[in-house]
Amino acid sequence: MQFLSAHARRLQLIPALLAGVLLLLGAGDNSARIDRLGHQMMCVCGCNQILLECNHVGCSYSTRMRDELTAAVTRGDSDNGVLQWFIQTYGTTVLTVPTNRGFNRVAWIMPYLALVMGIALVVFIVGVWKKRPLAIRAGVPATVRGAELDRFREQARKETEL
């Protein structure tokens, strides 16, 4: 009986332990946030590389921007707050992906619209090509069909009967 109660207590601790692990899974790990946010921003030195991957020797922007990012994450600023601060400081070109608001929505829609229009154009052109008549060269006799073919066959039979 005592064995069952100790075993039952251990089984009750398992869900509590799992809940604690899940709650504390990302706590205190700022490196994951820095990595995620750093890959959403570009270095503004003109190299067109992601902030955390800028490899220019002596790049004055990347070192400063990385330090600012680390400081903001360490302070506990929200991800959106950090991105907004960088946008206000360096402009919208600091983002690797345009925002999905206002005129920037065109940047999201145009590739898909161009793809659909291109496919529609190809289908239209193929349809037009299939409907046009075949071009016949002047030196090649036209194909004989139907009643005319029967007439030629009858004529050939008459001429070959000796």
N, C-alpha and C. Protein backbone atom coordinates (compact mmCIF):
# COMPACT_ATOMS: atom_id res chain seq x y z
N MET A 1 0.82 -1.18 0.00
CA MET A 1 0.00 0.00 0.00
C MET A 1 0.87 1.25 0.00
N GLN A 2 1.95 1.19 0.79
CA GLN A 2 2.85 2.33 0.85
C GLN A 2 3.56 2.51 -0.49
N PHE A 3 3.84 1.41 -1.19
CA PHE A 3 4.47 1.47 -2.50
C PHE A 3 3.60 2.21 -3.51
N LEU A 4 2.28 1.96 -3.47
CA LEU A 4 1.36 2.60 -4.40
C LEU A 4 1.28 4.10 -4.14
N SER A 5 1.28 4.54 -2.92
CA SER A 5 1.17 5.97 -2.64
C SER A 5 2.43 6.71 -3.07
N ALA A 6 3.61 6.12 -2.91
CA ALA A 6 4.85 6.75 -3.36
C ALA A 6 4.88 6.80 -4.88
N HIS A 7 4.43 5.74 -5.48
CA HIS A 7 4.36 5.68 -6.94
C HIS A 7 3.35 6.70 -7.47
N ALA A 8 2.22 6.83 -6.81
CA ALA A 8 1.20 7.79 -7.22
C ALA A 8 1.72 9.22 -7.08
N ARG A 9 2.49 9.52 -6.03
CA ARG A 9 3.07 10.85 -5.85
C ARG A 9 4.04 11.19 -6.98
N ARG A 10 4.82 10.21 -7.37
CA ARG A 10 5.77 10.43 -8.47
C ARG A 10 5.03 10.70 -9.78
N LEU A 11 3.96 9.98 -10.00
CA LEU A 11 3.17 10.20 -11.21
C LEU A 11 2.52 11.58 -11.21
N GLN A 12 2.17 12.10 -10.04
CA GLN A 12 1.58 13.44 -9.95
C GLN A 12 2.63 14.52 -10.20
N LEU A 13 3.87 14.23 -9.92
CA LEU A 13 4.94 15.20 -10.11
C LEU A 13 5.35 15.35 -11.58
N ILE A 14 5.11 14.32 -12.36
CA ILE A 14 5.52 14.36 -13.77
C ILE A 14 4.83 15.49 -14.53
N PRO A 15 3.48 15.67 -14.47
CA PRO A 15 2.86 16.80 -15.18
C PRO A 15 3.36 18.15 -14.67
N ALA A 16 3.58 18.26 -13.36
CA ALA A 16 4.09 19.52 -12.82
C ALA A 16 5.50 19.80 -13.35
N LEU A 17 6.32 18.79 -13.44
CA LEU A 17 7.67 18.95 -13.97
C LEU A 17 7.64 19.34 -15.44
N LEU A 18 6.79 18.69 -16.23
CA LEU A 18 6.67 19.02 -17.65
C LEU A 18 6.17 20.45 -17.85
N ALA A 19 5.20 20.87 -17.06
CA ALA A 19 4.69 22.25 -17.15
C ALA A 19 5.78 23.25 -16.82
N GLY A 20 6.57 22.98 -15.80
CA GLY A 20 7.67 23.87 -15.43
C GLY A 20 8.72 23.97 -16.52
N VAL A 21 9.05 22.84 -17.13
CA VAL A 21 10.03 22.84 -18.21
C VAL A 21 9.53 23.63 -19.40
N LEU A 22 8.26 23.46 -19.75
CA LEU A 22 7.70 24.19 -20.88
C LEU A 22 7.63 25.69 -20.62
N LEU A 23 7.31 26.08 -19.40
CA LEU A 23 7.24 27.50 -19.08
C LEU A 23 8.61 28.16 -19.09
N LEU A 24 9.62 27.44 -18.67
CA LEU A 24 10.96 28.01 -18.57
C LEU A 24 11.83 27.69 -19.78
N LEU A 25 11.26 27.13 -20.82
CA LEU A 25 12.02 26.68 -21.97
C LEU A 25 12.83 27.81 -22.61
N GLY A 26 12.22 28.96 -22.84
CA GLY A 26 12.93 30.05 -23.49
C GLY A 26 13.35 31.14 -22.53
N ALA A 27 13.15 30.97 -21.26
CA ALA A 27 13.47 32.02 -20.30
C ALA A 27 14.97 32.21 -20.19
N GLY A 28 15.40 33.45 -20.26
CA GLY A 28 16.80 33.78 -20.08
C GLY A 28 17.67 33.52 -21.30
N ASP A 29 17.11 33.07 -22.40
CA ASP A 29 17.89 32.78 -23.59
C ASP A 29 17.70 33.92 -24.59
N ASN A 30 18.49 34.97 -24.41
CA ASN A 30 18.39 36.13 -25.29
C ASN A 30 19.09 35.89 -26.62
N SER A 31 19.97 34.92 -26.70
CA SER A 31 20.71 34.68 -27.95
C SER A 31 19.77 34.25 -29.08
N ALA A 32 18.73 33.51 -28.76
CA ALA A 32 17.76 33.09 -29.79
C ALA A 32 17.00 34.30 -30.32
N ARG A 33 16.62 35.21 -29.42
CA ARG A 33 15.91 36.43 -29.86
C ARG A 33 16.83 37.31 -30.68
N ILE A 34 18.08 37.45 -30.25
CA ILE A 34 19.04 38.27 -30.99
C ILE A 34 19.25 37.68 -32.38
N ASP A 35 19.37 36.37 -32.46
CA ASP A 35 19.56 35.70 -33.75
C ASP A 35 18.36 35.92 -34.66
N ARG A 36 17.15 35.75 -34.11
CA ARG A 36 15.93 35.92 -34.90
C ARG A 36 15.78 37.36 -35.38
N LEU A 37 15.97 38.33 -34.48
CA LEU A 37 15.82 39.74 -34.86
C LEU A 37 16.96 40.19 -35.78
N GLY A 38 18.17 39.69 -35.53
CA GLY A 38 19.31 40.07 -36.37
C GLY A 38 19.19 39.58 -37.79
N HIS A 39 18.43 38.50 -38.00
CA HIS A 39 18.20 37.99 -39.35
C HIS A 39 17.01 38.67 -40.02
N GLN A 40 16.31 39.53 -39.31
CA GLN A 40 15.21 40.30 -39.90
C GLN A 40 15.68 41.69 -40.31
N MET A 41 16.95 42.00 -40.07
CA MET A 41 17.48 43.33 -40.39
C MET A 41 18.70 43.22 -41.29
N MET A 42 18.92 44.29 -42.05
CA MET A 42 20.06 44.39 -42.95
C MET A 42 21.08 45.35 -42.36
N CYS A 43 22.33 45.14 -42.68
CA CYS A 43 23.37 46.10 -42.33
C CYS A 43 23.19 47.29 -43.26
N VAL A 44 23.28 48.49 -42.74
CA VAL A 44 23.01 49.68 -43.55
C VAL A 44 24.28 50.28 -44.16
N CYS A 45 25.38 49.52 -44.15
CA CYS A 45 26.63 50.04 -44.73
C CYS A 45 26.60 50.01 -46.25
N GLY A 46 25.60 49.34 -46.82
CA GLY A 46 25.50 49.26 -48.28
C GLY A 46 25.95 47.92 -48.83
N CYS A 47 26.27 46.98 -47.96
CA CYS A 47 26.74 45.67 -48.41
C CYS A 47 25.59 44.75 -48.81
N ASN A 48 24.36 45.11 -48.46
CA ASN A 48 23.17 44.29 -48.74
C ASN A 48 23.26 42.90 -48.12
N GLN A 49 23.84 42.82 -46.94
CA GLN A 49 23.91 41.56 -46.21
C GLN A 49 23.08 41.66 -44.94
N ILE A 50 22.65 40.51 -44.45
CA ILE A 50 21.91 40.46 -43.21
C ILE A 50 22.81 40.95 -42.08
N LEU A 51 22.24 41.64 -41.12
CA LEU A 51 23.02 42.29 -40.06
C LEU A 51 23.99 41.33 -39.39
N LEU A 52 23.54 40.17 -38.99
CA LEU A 52 24.42 39.25 -38.27
C LEU A 52 25.43 38.55 -39.18
N GLU A 53 25.29 38.71 -40.49
CA GLU A 53 26.19 38.04 -41.42
C GLU A 53 27.08 39.02 -42.18
N CYS A 54 27.05 40.29 -41.81
CA CYS A 54 27.91 41.28 -42.46
C CYS A 54 29.36 40.94 -42.15
N ASN A 55 30.15 40.74 -43.20
CA ASN A 55 31.52 40.28 -42.99
C ASN A 55 32.56 41.30 -43.45
N HIS A 56 32.17 42.57 -43.55
CA HIS A 56 33.14 43.59 -43.94
C HIS A 56 34.08 43.89 -42.78
N VAL A 57 35.35 43.88 -43.07
CA VAL A 57 36.34 44.17 -42.05
C VAL A 57 36.25 45.65 -41.71
N GLY A 58 36.07 45.96 -40.45
CA GLY A 58 36.00 47.35 -40.01
C GLY A 58 34.69 48.03 -40.34
N CYS A 59 33.63 47.28 -40.56
CA CYS A 59 32.32 47.88 -40.85
C CYS A 59 31.85 48.62 -39.61
N SER A 60 31.68 49.92 -39.76
CA SER A 60 31.32 50.73 -38.59
C SER A 60 29.86 50.55 -38.21
N TYR A 61 29.02 50.17 -39.16
CA TYR A 61 27.60 50.02 -38.88
C TYR A 61 27.26 48.71 -38.19
N SER A 62 27.80 47.59 -38.70
CA SER A 62 27.37 46.29 -38.19
C SER A 62 27.71 46.12 -36.71
N THR A 63 28.89 46.53 -36.29
CA THR A 63 29.27 46.39 -34.88
C THR A 63 28.37 47.22 -33.99
N ARG A 64 28.12 48.46 -34.39
CA ARG A 64 27.26 49.33 -33.60
C ARG A 64 25.83 48.81 -33.56
N MET A 65 25.31 48.36 -34.71
CA MET A 65 23.94 47.87 -34.77
C MET A 65 23.78 46.58 -33.94
N ARG A 66 24.77 45.70 -33.98
CA ARG A 66 24.71 44.48 -33.18
C ARG A 66 24.71 44.81 -31.69
N ASP A 67 25.53 45.79 -31.30
CA ASP A 67 25.55 46.20 -29.89
C ASP A 67 24.21 46.79 -29.47
N GLU A 68 23.61 47.60 -30.36
CA GLU A 68 22.29 48.20 -30.06
C GLU A 68 21.23 47.12 -29.94
N LEU A 69 21.29 46.12 -30.82
CA LEU A 69 20.34 45.01 -30.77
C LEU A 69 20.49 44.23 -29.48
N THR A 70 21.70 43.92 -29.10
CA THR A 70 21.95 43.18 -27.86
C THR A 70 21.46 43.97 -26.66
N ALA A 71 21.70 45.26 -26.64
CA ALA A 71 21.26 46.11 -25.52
C ALA A 71 19.74 46.15 -25.44
N ALA A 72 19.07 46.26 -26.57
CA ALA A 72 17.61 46.33 -26.57
C ALA A 72 17.00 45.01 -26.08
N VAL A 73 17.57 43.90 -26.52
CA VAL A 73 17.04 42.59 -26.09
C VAL A 73 17.33 42.38 -24.60
N THR A 74 18.51 42.78 -24.15
CA THR A 74 18.86 42.64 -22.75
C THR A 74 17.96 43.49 -21.86
N ARG A 75 17.59 44.69 -22.35
CA ARG A 75 16.65 45.54 -21.59
C ARG A 75 15.27 44.92 -21.48
N GLY A 76 14.95 44.01 -22.39
CA GLY A 76 13.65 43.35 -22.35
C GLY A 76 12.64 43.98 -23.28
N ASP A 77 13.11 44.79 -24.25
CA ASP A 77 12.18 45.39 -25.21
C ASP A 77 11.51 44.29 -26.03
N SER A 78 10.29 44.54 -26.44
CA SER A 78 9.57 43.56 -27.27
C SER A 78 10.20 43.52 -28.66
N ASP A 79 9.95 42.42 -29.38
CA ASP A 79 10.50 42.28 -30.73
C ASP A 79 10.02 43.41 -31.63
N ASN A 80 8.73 43.71 -31.56
CA ASN A 80 8.17 44.78 -32.38
C ASN A 80 8.79 46.13 -32.00
N GLY A 81 8.98 46.35 -30.72
CA GLY A 81 9.58 47.59 -30.25
C GLY A 81 11.01 47.75 -30.74
N VAL A 82 11.77 46.66 -30.73
CA VAL A 82 13.15 46.70 -31.22
C VAL A 82 13.17 47.03 -32.71
N LEU A 83 12.32 46.35 -33.49
CA LEU A 83 12.27 46.60 -34.93
C LEU A 83 11.84 48.03 -35.23
N GLN A 84 10.84 48.54 -34.49
CA GLN A 84 10.39 49.91 -34.70
C GLN A 84 11.50 50.91 -34.38
N TRP A 85 12.27 50.66 -33.33
CA TRP A 85 13.37 51.57 -32.99
C TRP A 85 14.41 51.59 -34.11
N PHE A 86 14.73 50.41 -34.65
CA PHE A 86 15.70 50.36 -35.75
C PHE A 86 15.16 51.05 -37.00
N ILE A 87 13.86 50.92 -37.26
CA ILE A 87 13.26 51.59 -38.42
C ILE A 87 13.33 53.10 -38.24
N GLN A 88 13.02 53.59 -37.04
CA GLN A 88 13.09 55.02 -36.78
C GLN A 88 14.52 55.54 -36.86
N THR A 89 15.48 54.74 -36.45
CA THR A 89 16.87 55.18 -36.44
C THR A 89 17.52 55.09 -37.81
N TYR A 90 17.31 53.98 -38.52
CA TYR A 90 18.02 53.72 -39.77
C TYR A 90 17.13 53.76 -41.01
N GLY A 91 15.83 53.87 -40.84
CA GLY A 91 14.92 53.89 -41.99
C GLY A 91 14.39 52.50 -42.31
N THR A 92 13.45 52.45 -43.24
CA THR A 92 12.80 51.18 -43.57
C THR A 92 13.71 50.23 -44.32
N THR A 93 14.84 50.74 -44.84
CA THR A 93 15.76 49.85 -45.56
C THR A 93 16.47 48.89 -44.63
N VAL A 94 16.34 49.07 -43.32
CA VAL A 94 16.98 48.18 -42.37
C VAL A 94 16.26 46.82 -42.32
N LEU A 95 15.02 46.76 -42.77
CA LEU A 95 14.27 45.50 -42.74
C LEU A 95 14.61 44.65 -43.95
N THR A 96 14.75 43.34 -43.73
CA THR A 96 15.03 42.44 -44.85
C THR A 96 13.77 42.18 -45.67
N VAL A 97 12.62 42.26 -45.03
CA VAL A 97 11.35 41.99 -45.68
C VAL A 97 10.47 43.21 -45.49
N PRO A 98 9.81 43.71 -46.55
CA PRO A 98 8.95 44.87 -46.37
C PRO A 98 7.74 44.55 -45.49
N THR A 99 7.24 45.56 -44.80
CA THR A 99 6.06 45.36 -43.96
C THR A 99 4.86 45.09 -44.84
N ASN A 100 3.86 44.47 -44.29
CA ASN A 100 2.66 44.13 -45.06
C ASN A 100 1.57 45.17 -44.80
N ARG A 101 1.92 46.44 -44.98
CA ARG A 101 0.97 47.52 -44.78
C ARG A 101 1.15 48.54 -45.89
N GLY A 102 0.06 49.25 -46.20
CA GLY A 102 0.13 50.37 -47.12
C GLY A 102 0.67 49.98 -48.49
N PHE A 103 1.51 50.86 -49.02
CA PHE A 103 2.06 50.65 -50.37
C PHE A 103 2.99 49.45 -50.41
N ASN A 104 3.57 49.06 -49.29
CA ASN A 104 4.48 47.91 -49.26
C ASN A 104 3.76 46.61 -49.61
N ARG A 105 2.45 46.61 -49.51
CA ARG A 105 1.68 45.42 -49.87
C ARG A 105 1.89 45.06 -51.34
N VAL A 106 2.17 46.08 -52.16
CA VAL A 106 2.43 45.84 -53.58
C VAL A 106 3.65 44.93 -53.75
N ALA A 107 4.66 45.11 -52.90
CA ALA A 107 5.85 44.27 -52.97
C ALA A 107 5.53 42.81 -52.69
N TRP A 108 4.50 42.55 -51.94
CA TRP A 108 4.09 41.18 -51.65
C TRP A 108 3.20 40.62 -52.75
N ILE A 109 2.37 41.48 -53.36
CA ILE A 109 1.38 41.01 -54.32
C ILE A 109 1.96 40.87 -55.73
N MET A 110 2.86 41.75 -56.13
CA MET A 110 3.33 41.79 -57.51
C MET A 110 3.98 40.48 -58.01
N PRO A 111 4.81 39.81 -57.25
CA PRO A 111 5.38 38.56 -57.80
C PRO A 111 4.31 37.52 -58.13
N TYR A 112 3.32 37.39 -57.28
CA TYR A 112 2.25 36.43 -57.54
C TYR A 112 1.39 36.87 -58.71
N LEU A 113 1.10 38.17 -58.78
CA LEU A 113 0.31 38.71 -59.87
C LEU A 113 1.05 38.53 -61.20
N ALA A 114 2.36 38.79 -61.21
CA ALA A 114 3.15 38.61 -62.43
C ALA A 114 3.16 37.14 -62.86
N LEU A 115 3.25 36.23 -61.90
CA LEU A 115 3.23 34.80 -62.22
C LEU A 115 1.90 34.41 -62.86
N VAL A 116 0.80 34.84 -62.28
CA VAL A 116 -0.53 34.50 -62.80
C VAL A 116 -0.72 35.11 -64.19
N MET A 117 -0.30 36.36 -64.36
CA MET A 117 -0.44 37.00 -65.67
C MET A 117 0.44 36.32 -66.71
N GLY A 118 1.63 35.89 -66.34
CA GLY A 118 2.51 35.19 -67.27
C GLY A 118 1.92 33.86 -67.72
N ILE A 119 1.36 33.11 -66.77
CA ILE A 119 0.72 31.83 -67.12
C ILE A 119 -0.47 32.06 -68.02
N ALA A 120 -1.28 33.10 -67.72
CA ALA A 120 -2.44 33.41 -68.56
C ALA A 120 -2.01 33.80 -69.96
N LEU A 121 -0.91 34.55 -70.08
CA LEU A 121 -0.40 34.95 -71.40
C LEU A 121 0.06 33.73 -72.19
N VAL A 122 0.75 32.81 -71.56
CA VAL A 122 1.21 31.60 -72.24
C VAL A 122 0.02 30.77 -72.71
N VAL A 123 -1.00 30.61 -71.87
CA VAL A 123 -2.19 29.84 -72.25
C VAL A 123 -2.89 30.52 -73.42
N PHE A 124 -2.99 31.85 -73.40
CA PHE A 124 -3.64 32.58 -74.48
C PHE A 124 -2.88 32.40 -75.80
N ILE A 125 -1.55 32.54 -75.75
CA ILE A 125 -0.75 32.41 -76.97
C ILE A 125 -0.83 31.00 -77.54
N VAL A 126 -0.76 29.99 -76.70
CA VAL A 126 -0.88 28.61 -77.17
C VAL A 126 -2.25 28.38 -77.79
N GLY A 127 -3.31 28.94 -77.19
CA GLY A 127 -4.65 28.81 -77.75
C GLY A 127 -4.77 29.46 -79.11
N VAL A 128 -4.18 30.63 -79.28
CA VAL A 128 -4.21 31.31 -80.58
C VAL A 128 -3.44 30.50 -81.61
N TRP A 129 -2.29 29.95 -81.24
CA TRP A 129 -1.50 29.17 -82.18
C TRP A 129 -2.23 27.89 -82.61
N LYS A 130 -2.96 27.29 -81.69
CA LYS A 130 -3.67 26.06 -82.04
C LYS A 130 -4.83 26.33 -83.00
N LYS A 131 -5.45 27.51 -82.94
CA LYS A 131 -6.61 27.82 -83.76
C LYS A 131 -6.26 28.32 -85.16
N ARG A 132 -5.05 28.77 -85.38
CA ARG A 132 -4.71 29.31 -86.70
C ARG A 132 -4.54 28.17 -87.70
N PRO A 133 -4.85 28.46 -88.97
CA PRO A 133 -4.72 27.40 -89.98
C PRO A 133 -3.26 27.11 -90.28
N LEU A 134 -3.02 25.90 -90.75
CA LEU A 134 -1.67 25.50 -91.11
C LEU A 134 -1.26 26.20 -92.40
N ALA A 135 -0.05 26.67 -92.46
CA ALA A 135 0.46 27.30 -93.66
C ALA A 135 0.88 26.21 -94.65
N ILE A 136 0.44 26.34 -95.91
CA ILE A 136 0.76 25.35 -96.94
C ILE A 136 1.68 26.01 -97.94
N ARG A 137 2.78 25.36 -98.21
CA ARG A 137 3.71 25.90 -99.19
C ARG A 137 3.13 25.75 -100.59
N ALA A 138 3.53 26.63 -101.48
CA ALA A 138 2.98 26.65 -102.84
C ALA A 138 3.32 25.40 -103.63
N GLY A 139 4.47 24.82 -103.45
CA GLY A 139 4.90 23.67 -104.25
C GLY A 139 4.31 22.35 -103.77
N VAL A 140 3.67 22.31 -102.65
CA VAL A 140 3.15 21.07 -102.09
C VAL A 140 1.65 21.00 -102.38
N PRO A 141 1.21 19.91 -102.99
CA PRO A 141 -0.24 19.80 -103.26
C PRO A 141 -1.02 19.66 -101.96
N ALA A 142 -2.22 20.19 -101.97
CA ALA A 142 -3.08 20.12 -100.80
C ALA A 142 -3.58 18.70 -100.59
N THR A 143 -3.91 18.36 -99.38
CA THR A 143 -4.42 17.04 -99.05
C THR A 143 -5.83 16.90 -99.62
N VAL A 144 -6.08 15.76 -100.26
CA VAL A 144 -7.38 15.50 -100.87
C VAL A 144 -8.18 14.62 -99.92
N ARG A 145 -9.45 15.00 -99.69
CA ARG A 145 -10.28 14.25 -98.75
C ARG A 145 -11.71 14.16 -99.27
N GLY A 146 -12.44 13.28 -98.63
CA GLY A 146 -13.89 13.20 -98.86
C GLY A 146 -14.28 12.77 -100.27
N ALA A 147 -15.22 13.52 -100.84
CA ALA A 147 -15.79 13.18 -102.15
C ALA A 147 -14.75 13.31 -103.25
N GLU A 148 -13.88 14.27 -103.13
CA GLU A 148 -12.85 14.45 -104.14
C GLU A 148 -11.91 13.25 -104.18
N LEU A 149 -11.58 12.69 -103.00
CA LEU A 149 -10.73 11.51 -102.93
C LEU A 149 -11.41 10.32 -103.60
N ASP A 150 -12.71 10.17 -103.35
CA ASP A 150 -13.45 9.07 -103.98
C ASP A 150 -13.47 9.22 -105.50
N ARG A 151 -13.59 10.44 -105.98
CA ARG A 151 -13.61 10.70 -107.42
C ARG A 151 -12.27 10.31 -108.03
N PHE A 152 -11.15 10.68 -107.36
CA PHE A 152 -9.82 10.33 -107.88
C PHE A 152 -9.60 8.81 -107.87
N ARG A 153 -10.10 8.13 -106.87
CA ARG A 153 -9.95 6.67 -106.81
C ARG A 153 -10.72 6.01 -107.96
N GLU A 154 -11.93 6.52 -108.21
CA GLU A 154 -12.74 5.96 -109.31
C GLU A 154 -12.06 6.20 -110.65
N GLN A 155 -11.49 7.38 -110.81
CA GLN A 155 -10.78 7.69 -112.04
C GLN A 155 -9.56 6.79 -112.20
N ALA A 156 -8.84 6.52 -111.10
CA ALA A 156 -7.67 5.65 -111.17
C ALA A 156 -8.07 4.22 -111.52
N ARG A 157 -9.22 3.73 -111.04
CA ARG A 157 -9.68 2.39 -111.36
C ARG A 157 -10.03 2.29 -112.86
N LYS A 158 -10.69 3.32 -113.37
CA LYS A 158 -11.07 3.30 -114.80
C LYS A 158 -9.84 3.29 -115.69
N GLU A 159 -8.86 4.09 -115.34
CA GLU A 159 -7.70 4.21 -116.18
C GLU A 159 -6.79 2.99 -116.12
N THR A 160 -6.83 2.26 -115.00
CA THR A 160 -5.96 1.08 -114.87
C THR A 160 -6.62 -0.20 -115.36
N GLU A 161 -7.91 -0.18 -115.71
CA GLU A 161 -8.57 -1.39 -116.21
C GLU A 161 -8.23 -1.52 -117.68
N LEU A 162 -7.59 -2.56 -118.04
CA LEU A 162 -7.21 -2.76 -119.44
C LEU A 162 -7.96 -3.86 -120.09
